């Protein structure tokens, strides 16, 4: 589904990704862990198409299509979703307005009919209920005045509404308390656990993986994958730390 081959990328002339190779088939949740500065968020931004990140070598294919050749909105229409470590605020734009425009723009790009106002409201309320988010919060401006946990829940509601084929989630557990972590983890499972979908889950901590339960775990260090294993690798990292685990990589 997602195939990354020998990917090199830089920002402001500084190399961050240094020969990263990774393949994630449909039906797999693949967790990426690594120390600060390893390139985890850079990987997410490169896949999402964030401006300023230049790919200097390598390739990325998504369902057989050259992902790097697509503009960010084209990647989204193709079914790629990027969840941010720090979701941005958009004053003056309500969540409902933002999400309806986003969804119908993607449906149009795929040759599908736009949802009516009533159809969209029902969908939005269903997904808000799934993430235990007060539906009234969808009437507020995007992330404005939201707590960290509310921003992450709102972003998962967005993912549920857009229903992507593949989600890149950058430290979705950041800023979540124990209860919110469980709700968000359960939401990821409900929305993305599907034989036809895939997830790249970037995290620092084992606690989210106790809920989502990845199929594979990889360690990213100095811009490339240095070790891959099963869920037990995350437990090993939690117990022993990066230095001890990567000494054997």
Foldseek 3Di string as FASTA:
>chain_A
DKWWFQWWKDAPPHTQAGGATDDWAFLFEEEEAEDPSLCLVVVLCQLQAPPRMDTDDTFMDDPNHGSNVDHNLVSVLQFEAEADPDDDFDPPAALLRVLLVSQQVSCVVVVHHRDDPVRSLVLLVVLCVLLVHDSVSRRHGQCVPDALLNNLSSVLSSCQSNLGQEYEYAASVPRDDPVSLLSSLSSCCVRANDSRHYYYHYHHALSSCVRNVGQKYFYRGSNYTQDMDHSVVRVVCVVPNDVVSSVVD
